[in-house]
Amino acid sequence: MSQCKGKVIAIGEIKTGESQRGKWASQQWVVEEQGQQYPEHWVLETFGEDNIHKFDLHVGDMVEVRYTARSSEKNGSYYPSNRPWEVVKEQQPA
């Protein structure tokens, strides 16, 4: 398990398709570490429409994310993917 904390600075379009296992949906988004001269950036990818809607992310949200770093192989090349399984939003002042 890995984790990151920061501000959501970008959210991609929801991509959908169909595979041998059925319909799928995914969305990439970026978290930027705050308060550092050279901040880290994490690209995360949420799979499943249910998860996309459950996390309900917006640019500017401050979040703490727990994710699994994975990779997949296709035709001899490996592709990394950081898949979040828990997103906690920092409460914004009212």
PDB file of N, CA and C in Angstrom:
ATOM      1  N   MET A   1       0.843  -1.181   0.000  1.00  0.00           N
ATOM      2  CA  MET A   1       0.000   0.000   0.000  1.00  0.00           C
ATOM      3  C   MET A   1       0.886   1.241   0.000  1.00  0.00           C
ATOM      4  N   SER A   2       0.494   2.200  -0.783  1.00  0.00           N
ATOM      5  CA  SER A   2       1.165   3.489  -0.830  1.00  0.00           C
ATOM      6  C   SER A   2       0.142   4.567  -0.545  1.00  0.00           C
ATOM      7  N   GLN A   3       0.630   5.752  -0.223  1.00  0.00           N
ATOM      8  CA  GLN A   3      -0.304   6.858  -0.007  1.00  0.00           C
ATOM      9  C   GLN A   3       0.317   8.169  -0.432  1.00  0.00           C
ATOM     10  N   CYS A   4      -0.562   9.128  -0.714  1.00  0.00           N
ATOM     11  CA  CYS A   4      -0.127  10.466  -1.066  1.00  0.00           C
ATOM     12  C   CYS A   4      -1.146  11.454  -0.522  1.00  0.00           C
ATOM     13  N   LYS A   5      -0.712  12.700  -0.400  1.00  0.00           N
ATOM     14  CA  LYS A   5      -1.581  13.736   0.142  1.00  0.00           C
ATOM     15  C   LYS A   5      -1.300  15.014  -0.624  1.00  0.00           C
ATOM     16  N   GLY A   6      -2.359  15.711  -1.028  1.00  0.00           N
ATOM     17  CA  GLY A   6      -2.165  16.951  -1.746  1.00  0.00           C
ATOM     18  C   GLY A   6      -3.451  17.454  -2.364  1.00  0.00           C
ATOM     19  N   LYS A   7      -3.285  18.287  -3.387  1.00  0.00           N
ATOM     20  CA  LYS A   7      -4.413  18.925  -4.065  1.00  0.00           C
ATOM     21  C   LYS A   7      -4.645  18.269  -5.426  1.00  0.00           C
ATOM     22  N   VAL A   8      -5.926  18.021  -5.742  1.00  0.00           N
ATOM     23  CA  VAL A   8      -6.283  17.517  -7.066  1.00  0.00           C
ATOM     24  C   VAL A   8      -6.113  18.681  -8.044  1.00  0.00           C
ATOM     25  N   ILE A   9      -5.202  18.520  -9.016  1.00  0.00           N
ATOM     26  CA  ILE A   9      -4.938  19.624  -9.949  1.00  0.00           C
ATOM     27  C   ILE A   9      -5.447  19.354 -11.358  1.00  0.00           C
ATOM     28  N   ALA A  10      -5.818  18.116 -11.650  1.00  0.00           N
ATOM     29  CA  ALA A  10      -6.341  17.786 -12.974  1.00  0.00           C
ATOM     30  C   ALA A  10      -7.182  16.522 -12.886  1.00  0.00           C
ATOM     31  N   ILE A  11      -8.253  16.494 -13.669  1.00  0.00           N
ATOM     32  CA  ILE A  11      -9.117  15.313 -13.751  1.00  0.00           C
ATOM     33  C   ILE A  11      -9.414  15.066 -15.219  1.00  0.00           C
ATOM     34  N   GLY A  12      -9.122  13.863 -15.673  1.00  0.00           N
ATOM     35  CA  GLY A  12      -9.354  13.509 -17.071  1.00  0.00           C
ATOM     36  C   GLY A  12     -10.802  13.112 -17.327  1.00  0.00           C
ATOM     37  N   GLU A  13     -11.100  12.968 -18.604  1.00  0.00           N
ATOM     38  CA  GLU A  13     -12.424  12.510 -19.014  1.00  0.00           C
ATOM     39  C   GLU A  13     -12.610  11.046 -18.602  1.00  0.00           C
ATOM     40  N   ILE A  14     -13.848  10.660 -18.367  1.00  0.00           N
ATOM     41  CA  ILE A  14     -14.145   9.260 -18.095  1.00  0.00           C
ATOM     42  C   ILE A  14     -14.071   8.496 -19.421  1.00  0.00           C
ATOM     43  N   LYS A  15     -13.254   7.447 -19.434  1.00  0.00           N
ATOM     44  CA  LYS A  15     -13.128   6.597 -20.614  1.00  0.00           C
ATOM     45  C   LYS A  15     -13.950   5.335 -20.365  1.00  0.00           C
ATOM     46  N   THR A  16     -14.643   4.867 -21.386  1.00  0.00           N
ATOM     47  CA  THR A  16     -15.449   3.654 -21.264  1.00  0.00           C
ATOM     48  C   THR A  16     -15.148   2.721 -22.418  1.00  0.00           C
ATOM     49  N   GLY A  17     -15.465   1.468 -22.213  1.00  0.00           N
ATOM     50  CA  GLY A  17     -15.264   0.487 -23.256  1.00  0.00           C
ATOM     51  C   GLY A  17     -15.854  -0.840 -22.854  1.00  0.00           C
ATOM     52  N   GLU A  18     -15.578  -1.840 -23.660  1.00  0.00           N
ATOM     53  CA  GLU A  18     -16.065  -3.181 -23.380  1.00  0.00           C
ATOM     54  C   GLU A  18     -14.950  -4.164 -23.679  1.00  0.00           C
ATOM     55  N   SER A  19     -14.758  -5.106 -22.771  1.00  0.00           N
ATOM     56  CA  SER A  19     -13.739  -6.135 -22.944  1.00  0.00           C
ATOM     57  C   SER A  19     -14.423  -7.498 -22.831  1.00  0.00           C
ATOM     58  N   GLN A  20     -13.634  -8.546 -22.824  1.00  0.00           N
ATOM     59  CA  GLN A  20     -14.179  -9.891 -22.666  1.00  0.00           C
ATOM     60  C   GLN A  20     -14.891 -10.041 -21.324  1.00  0.00           C
ATOM     61  N   ARG A  21     -14.487  -9.240 -20.340  1.00  0.00           N
ATOM     62  CA  ARG A  21     -15.091  -9.307 -19.004  1.00  0.00           C
ATOM     63  C   ARG A  21     -16.288  -8.382 -18.841  1.00  0.00           C
ATOM     64  N   GLY A  22     -16.644  -7.635 -19.858  1.00  0.00           N
ATOM     65  CA  GLY A  22     -17.798  -6.750 -19.791  1.00  0.00           C
ATOM     66  C   GLY A  22     -17.416  -5.287 -19.938  1.00  0.00           C
ATOM     67  N   LYS A  23     -18.360  -4.426 -19.611  1.00  0.00           N
ATOM     68  CA  LYS A  23     -18.143  -2.986 -19.731  1.00  0.00           C
ATOM     69  C   LYS A  23     -17.215  -2.494 -18.633  1.00  0.00           C
ATOM     70  N   TRP A  24     -16.435  -1.447 -18.968  1.00  0.00           N
ATOM     71  CA  TRP A  24     -15.518  -0.860 -17.995  1.00  0.00           C
ATOM     72  C   TRP A  24     -15.530   0.664 -18.139  1.00  0.00           C
ATOM     73  N   ALA A  25     -15.075   1.328 -17.077  1.00  0.00           N
ATOM     74  CA  ALA A  25     -14.916   2.784 -17.082  1.00  0.00           C
ATOM     75  C   ALA A  25     -13.665   3.107 -16.280  1.00  0.00           C
ATOM     76  N   SER A  26     -12.935   4.149 -16.705  1.00  0.00           N
ATOM     77  CA  SER A  26     -11.751   4.575 -15.957  1.00  0.00           C
ATOM     78  C   SER A  26     -11.600   6.086 -16.077  1.00  0.00           C
ATOM     79  N   GLN A  27     -10.898   6.649 -15.098  1.00  0.00           N
ATOM     80  CA  GLN A  27     -10.644   8.092 -15.097  1.00  0.00           C
ATOM     81  C   GLN A  27      -9.304   8.348 -14.428  1.00  0.00           C
ATOM     82  N   GLN A  28      -8.450   9.122 -15.092  1.00  0.00           N
ATOM     83  CA  GLN A  28      -7.165   9.504 -14.505  1.00  0.00           C
ATOM     84  C   GLN A  28      -7.301  10.876 -13.849  1.00  0.00           C
ATOM     85  N   TRP A  29      -6.529  11.071 -12.773  1.00  0.00           N
ATOM     86  CA  TRP A  29      -6.503  12.361 -12.094  1.00  0.00           C
ATOM     87  C   TRP A  29      -5.139  12.536 -11.444  1.00  0.00           C
ATOM     88  N   VAL A  30      -4.786  13.788 -11.146  1.00  0.00           N
ATOM     89  CA  VAL A  30      -3.451  14.112 -10.657  1.00  0.00           C
ATOM     90  C   VAL A  30      -3.531  14.812  -9.305  1.00  0.00           C
ATOM     91  N   VAL A  31      -2.707  14.346  -8.372  1.00  0.00           N
ATOM     92  CA  VAL A  31      -2.578  14.972  -7.052  1.00  0.00           C
ATOM     93  C   VAL A  31      -1.195  15.600  -6.971  1.00  0.00           C
ATOM     94  N   GLU A  32      -1.145  16.860  -6.508  1.00  0.00           N
ATOM     95  CA  GLU A  32       0.113  17.583  -6.351  1.00  0.00           C
ATOM     96  C   GLU A  32       0.368  17.823  -4.868  1.00  0.00           C
ATOM     97  N   GLU A  33       1.539  17.443  -4.414  1.00  0.00           N
ATOM     98  CA  GLU A  33       1.980  17.682  -3.044  1.00  0.00           C
ATOM     99  C   GLU A  33       2.010  19.197  -2.802  1.00  0.00           C
ATOM    100  N   GLN A  34       1.608  19.630  -1.625  1.00  0.00           N
ATOM    101  CA  GLN A  34       1.553  21.054  -1.306  1.00  0.00           C
ATOM    102  C   GLN A  34       2.685  21.447  -0.356  1.00  0.00           C
ATOM    103  N   GLY A  35       3.100  22.700  -0.446  1.00  0.00           N
ATOM    104  CA  GLY A  35       4.061  23.259   0.502  1.00  0.00           C
ATOM    105  C   GLY A  35       5.511  22.874   0.264  1.00  0.00           C
ATOM    106  N   GLN A  36       5.841  22.378  -0.916  1.00  0.00           N
ATOM    107  CA  GLN A  36       7.215  21.982  -1.222  1.00  0.00           C
ATOM    108  C   GLN A  36       7.744  22.817  -2.387  1.00  0.00           C
ATOM    109  N   GLN A  37       9.032  23.091  -2.373  1.00  0.00           N
ATOM    110  CA  GLN A  37       9.627  23.840  -3.476  1.00  0.00           C
ATOM    111  C   GLN A  37       9.525  23.052  -4.785  1.00  0.00           C
ATOM    112  N   TYR A  38       9.759  21.751  -4.706  1.00  0.00           N
ATOM    113  CA  TYR A  38       9.664  20.870  -5.875  1.00  0.00           C
ATOM    114  C   TYR A  38       8.640  19.775  -5.562  1.00  0.00           C
ATOM    115  N   PRO A  39       7.357  20.087  -5.725  1.00  0.00           N
ATOM    116  CA  PRO A  39       6.320  19.140  -5.306  1.00  0.00           C
ATOM    117  C   PRO A  39       6.279  17.873  -6.158  1.00  0.00           C
ATOM    118  N   GLU A  40       5.932  16.784  -5.486  1.00  0.00           N
ATOM    119  CA  GLU A  40       5.688  15.515  -6.174  1.00  0.00           C
ATOM    120  C   GLU A  40       4.320  15.566  -6.830  1.00  0.00           C
ATOM    121  N   HIS A  41       4.160  14.798  -7.906  1.00  0.00           N
ATOM    122  CA  HIS A  41       2.878  14.653  -8.591  1.00  0.00           C
ATOM    123  C   HIS A  41       2.584  13.164  -8.729  1.00  0.00           C
ATOM    124  N   TRP A  42       1.338  12.787  -8.484  1.00  0.00           N
ATOM    125  CA  TRP A  42       0.925  11.397  -8.626  1.00  0.00           C
ATOM    126  C   TRP A  42      -0.218  11.334  -9.628  1.00  0.00           C
ATOM    127  N   VAL A  43      -0.088  10.482 -10.620  1.00  0.00           N
ATOM    128  CA  VAL A  43      -1.183  10.212 -11.547  1.00  0.00           C
ATOM    129  C   VAL A  43      -1.869   8.953 -11.037  1.00  0.00           C
ATOM    130  N   LEU A  44      -3.159   9.086 -10.754  1.00  0.00           N
ATOM    131  CA  LEU A  44      -3.940   7.964 -10.248  1.00  0.00           C
ATOM    132  C   LEU A  44      -5.025   7.630 -11.253  1.00  0.00           C
ATOM    133  N   GLU A  45      -5.439   6.378 -11.268  1.00  0.00           N
ATOM    134  CA  GLU A  45      -6.464   5.954 -12.220  1.00  0.00           C
ATOM    135  C   GLU A  45      -7.522   5.152 -11.483  1.00  0.00           C
ATOM    136  N   THR A  46      -8.739   5.679 -11.497  1.00  0.00           N
ATOM    137  CA  THR A  46      -9.869   5.025 -10.850  1.00  0.00           C
ATOM    138  C   THR A  46     -10.590   4.158 -11.873  1.00  0.00           C
ATOM    139  N   PHE A  47     -10.863   2.916 -11.495  1.00  0.00           N
ATOM    140  CA  PHE A  47     -11.592   2.004 -12.369  1.00  0.00           C
ATOM    141  C   PHE A  47     -12.973   1.728 -11.798  1.00  0.00           C
ATOM    142  N   GLY A  48     -13.948   1.676 -12.678  1.00  0.00           N
ATOM    143  CA  GLY A  48     -15.321   1.361 -12.300  1.00  0.00           C
ATOM    144  C   GLY A  48     -16.135   2.622 -12.082  1.00  0.00           C
ATOM    145  N   GLU A  49     -17.293   2.693 -12.740  1.00  0.00           N
ATOM    146  CA  GLU A  49     -18.157   3.865 -12.588  1.00  0.00           C
ATOM    147  C   GLU A  49     -18.546   4.103 -11.139  1.00  0.00           C
ATOM    148  N   ASP A  50     -18.790   3.023 -10.398  1.00  0.00           N
ATOM    149  CA  ASP A  50     -19.165   3.161  -8.990  1.00  0.00           C
ATOM    150  C   ASP A  50     -18.087   3.894  -8.205  1.00  0.00           C
ATOM    151  N   ASN A  51     -16.816   3.508  -8.407  1.00  0.00           N
ATOM    152  CA  ASN A  51     -15.717   4.164  -7.696  1.00  0.00           C
ATOM    153  C   ASN A  51     -15.539   5.606  -8.143  1.00  0.00           C
ATOM    154  N   ILE A  52     -15.679   5.855  -9.439  1.00  0.00           N
ATOM    155  CA  ILE A  52     -15.539   7.218  -9.948  1.00  0.00           C
ATOM    156  C   ILE A  52     -16.552   8.132  -9.260  1.00  0.00           C
ATOM    157  N   HIS A  53     -17.789   7.669  -9.156  1.00  0.00           N
ATOM    158  CA  HIS A  53     -18.835   8.482  -8.529  1.00  0.00           C
ATOM    159  C   HIS A  53     -18.684   8.520  -7.001  1.00  0.00           C
ATOM    160  N   LYS A  54     -18.211   7.433  -6.407  1.00  0.00           N
ATOM    161  CA  LYS A  54     -18.023   7.389  -4.956  1.00  0.00           C
ATOM    162  C   LYS A  54     -16.966   8.407  -4.511  1.00  0.00           C
ATOM    163  N   PHE A  55     -15.851   8.497  -5.246  1.00  0.00           N
ATOM    164  CA  PHE A  55     -14.792   9.434  -4.872  1.00  0.00           C
ATOM    165  C   PHE A  55     -15.208  10.879  -5.129  1.00  0.00           C
ATOM    166  N   ASP A  56     -16.056  11.142  -6.129  1.00  0.00           N
ATOM    167  CA  ASP A  56     -16.636  12.462  -6.407  1.00  0.00           C
ATOM    168  C   ASP A  56     -15.582  13.575  -6.335  1.00  0.00           C
ATOM    169  N   LEU A  57     -14.552  13.465  -7.144  1.00  0.00           N
ATOM    170  CA  LEU A  57     -13.431  14.415  -7.093  1.00  0.00           C
ATOM    171  C   LEU A  57     -13.672  15.656  -7.931  1.00  0.00           C
ATOM    172  N   HIS A  58     -13.077  16.771  -7.459  1.00  0.00           N
ATOM    173  CA  HIS A  58     -13.142  18.039  -8.172  1.00  0.00           C
ATOM    174  C   HIS A  58     -11.769  18.692  -8.102  1.00  0.00           C
ATOM    175  N   VAL A  59     -11.383  19.404  -9.160  1.00  0.00           N
ATOM    176  CA  VAL A  59     -10.123  20.145  -9.140  1.00  0.00           C
ATOM    177  C   VAL A  59     -10.162  21.095  -7.946  1.00  0.00           C
ATOM    178  N   GLY A  60      -9.084  21.108  -7.168  1.00  0.00           N
ATOM    179  CA  GLY A  60      -8.995  21.947  -5.984  1.00  0.00           C
ATOM    180  C   GLY A  60      -9.232  21.191  -4.692  1.00  0.00           C
ATOM    181  N   ASP A  61      -9.807  19.979  -4.762  1.00  0.00           N
ATOM    182  CA  ASP A  61     -10.010  19.179  -3.550  1.00  0.00           C
ATOM    183  C   ASP A  61      -8.665  18.843  -2.916  1.00  0.00           C
ATOM    184  N   MET A  62      -8.591  18.967  -1.600  1.00  0.00           N
ATOM    185  CA  MET A  62      -7.435  18.498  -0.849  1.00  0.00           C
ATOM    186  C   MET A  62      -7.753  17.082  -0.388  1.00  0.00           C
ATOM    187  N   VAL A  63      -6.873  16.128  -0.724  1.00  0.00           N
ATOM    188  CA  VAL A  63      -7.170  14.728  -0.473  1.00  0.00           C
ATOM    189  C   VAL A  63      -5.981  13.982   0.115  1.00  0.00           C
ATOM    190  N   GLU A  64      -6.291  12.914   0.812  1.00  0.00           N
ATOM    191  CA  GLU A  64      -5.302  11.928   1.220  1.00  0.00           C
ATOM    192  C   GLU A  64      -5.737  10.630   0.561  1.00  0.00           C
ATOM    193  N   VAL A  65      -4.831  10.014  -0.195  1.00  0.00           N
ATOM    194  CA  VAL A  65      -5.185   8.864  -1.028  1.00  0.00           C
ATOM    195  C   VAL A  65      -4.338   7.660  -0.643  1.00  0.00           C
ATOM    196  N   ARG A  66      -5.000   6.530  -0.486  1.00  0.00           N
ATOM    197  CA  ARG A  66      -4.306   5.261  -0.335  1.00  0.00           C
ATOM    198  C   ARG A  66      -4.520   4.507  -1.651  1.00  0.00           C
ATOM    199  N   TYR A  67      -3.421   3.987  -2.186  1.00  0.00           N
ATOM    200  CA  TYR A  67      -3.512   3.357  -3.498  1.00  0.00           C
ATOM    201  C   TYR A  67      -2.568   2.173  -3.601  1.00  0.00           C
ATOM    202  N   THR A  68      -2.815   1.356  -4.600  1.00  0.00           N
ATOM    203  CA  THR A  68      -1.969   0.221  -4.915  1.00  0.00           C
ATOM    204  C   THR A  68      -1.245   0.525  -6.218  1.00  0.00           C
ATOM    205  N   ALA A  69       0.072   0.397  -6.196  1.00  0.00           N
ATOM    206  CA  ALA A  69       0.874   0.580  -7.406  1.00  0.00           C
ATOM    207  C   ALA A  69       0.908  -0.757  -8.144  1.00  0.00           C
ATOM    208  N   ARG A  70       0.447  -0.736  -9.393  1.00  0.00           N
ATOM    209  CA  ARG A  70       0.374  -1.962 -10.181  1.00  0.00           C
ATOM    210  C   ARG A  70       1.055  -1.738 -11.526  1.00  0.00           C
ATOM    211  N   SER A  71       1.234  -2.826 -12.239  1.00  0.00           N
ATOM    212  CA  SER A  71       1.695  -2.714 -13.620  1.00  0.00           C
ATOM    213  C   SER A  71       1.104  -3.873 -14.405  1.00  0.00           C
ATOM    214  N   SER A  72       0.986  -3.673 -15.704  1.00  0.00           N
ATOM    215  CA  SER A  72       0.501  -4.742 -16.572  1.00  0.00           C
ATOM    216  C   SER A  72       1.439  -4.836 -17.770  1.00  0.00           C
ATOM    217  N   GLU A  73       1.484  -6.007 -18.356  1.00  0.00           N
ATOM    218  CA  GLU A  73       2.364  -6.259 -19.494  1.00  0.00           C
ATOM    219  C   GLU A  73       1.530  -6.471 -20.745  1.00  0.00           C
ATOM    220  N   LYS A  74       1.955  -5.861 -21.827  1.00  0.00           N
ATOM    221  CA  LYS A  74       1.307  -6.071 -23.122  1.00  0.00           C
ATOM    222  C   LYS A  74       2.383  -6.033 -24.195  1.00  0.00           C
ATOM    223  N   ASN A  75       2.518  -7.130 -24.911  1.00  0.00           N
ATOM    224  CA  ASN A  75       3.479  -7.239 -26.013  1.00  0.00           C
ATOM    225  C   ASN A  75       4.906  -6.889 -25.587  1.00  0.00           C
ATOM    226  N   GLY A  76       5.290  -7.323 -24.399  1.00  0.00           N
ATOM    227  CA  GLY A  76       6.654  -7.116 -23.931  1.00  0.00           C
ATOM    228  C   GLY A  76       6.931  -5.772 -23.283  1.00  0.00           C
ATOM    229  N   SER A  77       5.923  -4.891 -23.219  1.00  0.00           N
ATOM    230  CA  SER A  77       6.088  -3.599 -22.546  1.00  0.00           C
ATOM    231  C   SER A  77       5.258  -3.590 -21.275  1.00  0.00           C
ATOM    232  N   TYR A  78       5.760  -2.893 -20.255  1.00  0.00           N
ATOM    233  CA  TYR A  78       5.050  -2.798 -18.983  1.00  0.00           C
ATOM    234  C   TYR A  78       4.473  -1.401 -18.804  1.00  0.00           C
ATOM    235  N   TYR A  79       3.278  -1.347 -18.255  1.00  0.00           N
ATOM    236  CA  TYR A  79       2.552  -0.092 -18.069  1.00  0.00           C
ATOM    237  C   TYR A  79       2.176   0.049 -16.602  1.00  0.00           C
ATOM    238  N   PRO A  80       2.663   1.119 -15.935  1.00  0.00           N
ATOM    239  CA  PRO A  80       2.343   1.311 -14.519  1.00  0.00           C
ATOM    240  C   PRO A  80       0.959   1.925 -14.336  1.00  0.00           C
ATOM    241  N   SER A  81       0.374   1.656 -13.185  1.00  0.00           N
ATOM    242  CA  SER A  81      -0.928   2.225 -12.852  1.00  0.00           C
ATOM    243  C   SER A  81      -1.048   2.322 -11.338  1.00  0.00           C
ATOM    244  N   ASN A  82      -1.409   3.507 -10.851  1.00  0.00           N
ATOM    245  CA  ASN A  82      -1.658   3.711  -9.421  1.00  0.00           C
ATOM    246  C   ASN A  82      -3.168   3.722  -9.214  1.00  0.00           C
ATOM    247  N   ARG A  83      -3.678   2.701  -8.527  1.00  0.00           N
ATOM    248  CA  ARG A  83      -5.120   2.533  -8.386  1.00  0.00           C
ATOM    249  C   ARG A  83      -5.568   2.837  -6.958  1.00  0.00           C
ATOM    250  N   PRO A  84      -6.292   3.945  -6.788  1.00  0.00           N
ATOM    251  CA  PRO A  84      -6.752   4.321  -5.448  1.00  0.00           C
ATOM    252  C   PRO A  84      -7.844   3.384  -4.942  1.00  0.00           C
ATOM    253  N   TRP A  85      -7.800   3.099  -3.642  1.00  0.00           N
ATOM    254  CA  TRP A  85      -8.867   2.319  -3.040  1.00  0.00           C
ATOM    255  C   TRP A  85      -9.506   3.074  -1.875  1.00  0.00           C
ATOM    256  N   GLU A  86      -8.878   4.175  -1.461  1.00  0.00           N
ATOM    257  CA  GLU A  86      -9.494   5.024  -0.430  1.00  0.00           C
ATOM    258  C   GLU A  86      -9.086   6.471  -0.694  1.00  0.00           C
ATOM    259  N   VAL A  87     -10.065   7.357  -0.690  1.00  0.00           N
ATOM    260  CA  VAL A  87      -9.822   8.787  -0.852  1.00  0.00           C
ATOM    261  C   VAL A  87     -10.548   9.503   0.277  1.00  0.00           C
ATOM    262  N   VAL A  88      -9.776  10.246   1.079  1.00  0.00           N
ATOM    263  CA  VAL A  88     -10.364  11.032   2.174  1.00  0.00           C
ATOM    264  C   VAL A  88     -10.177  12.497   1.818  1.00  0.00           C
ATOM    265  N   LYS A  89     -11.289  13.208   1.717  1.00  0.00           N
ATOM    266  CA  LYS A  89     -11.224  14.633   1.408  1.00  0.00           C
ATOM    267  C   LYS A  89     -11.056  15.431   2.689  1.00  0.00           C
ATOM    268  N   GLU A  90     -10.177  16.439   2.617  1.00  0.00           N
ATOM    269  CA  GLU A  90      -9.996  17.362   3.728  1.00  0.00           C
ATOM    270  C   GLU A  90     -11.229  18.262   3.779  1.00  0.00           C
ATOM    271  N   GLN A  91     -11.755  18.473   4.948  1.00  0.00           N
ATOM    272  CA  GLN A  91     -12.947  19.307   5.085  1.00  0.00           C
ATOM    273  C   GLN A  91     -12.608  20.758   4.761  1.00  0.00           C
ATOM    274  N   GLN A  92     -13.397  21.344   3.883  1.00  0.00           N
ATOM    275  CA  GLN A  92     -13.219  22.743   3.512  1.00  0.00           C
ATOM    276  C   GLN A  92     -13.993  23.615   4.504  1.00  0.00           C
ATOM    277  N   PRO A  93     -13.444  24.763   4.893  1.00  0.00           N
ATOM    278  CA  PRO A  93     -14.172  25.642   5.804  1.00  0.00           C
ATOM    279  C   PRO A  93     -15.483  26.115   5.173  1.00  0.00           C
ATOM    280  N   ALA A  94     -16.513  26.203   5.994  1.00  0.00           N
ATOM    281  CA  ALA A  94     -17.840  26.614   5.482  1.00  0.00           C
ATOM    282  C   ALA A  94     -17.920  28.098   5.245  1.00  0.00           C
TER     283      ALA A  94
END
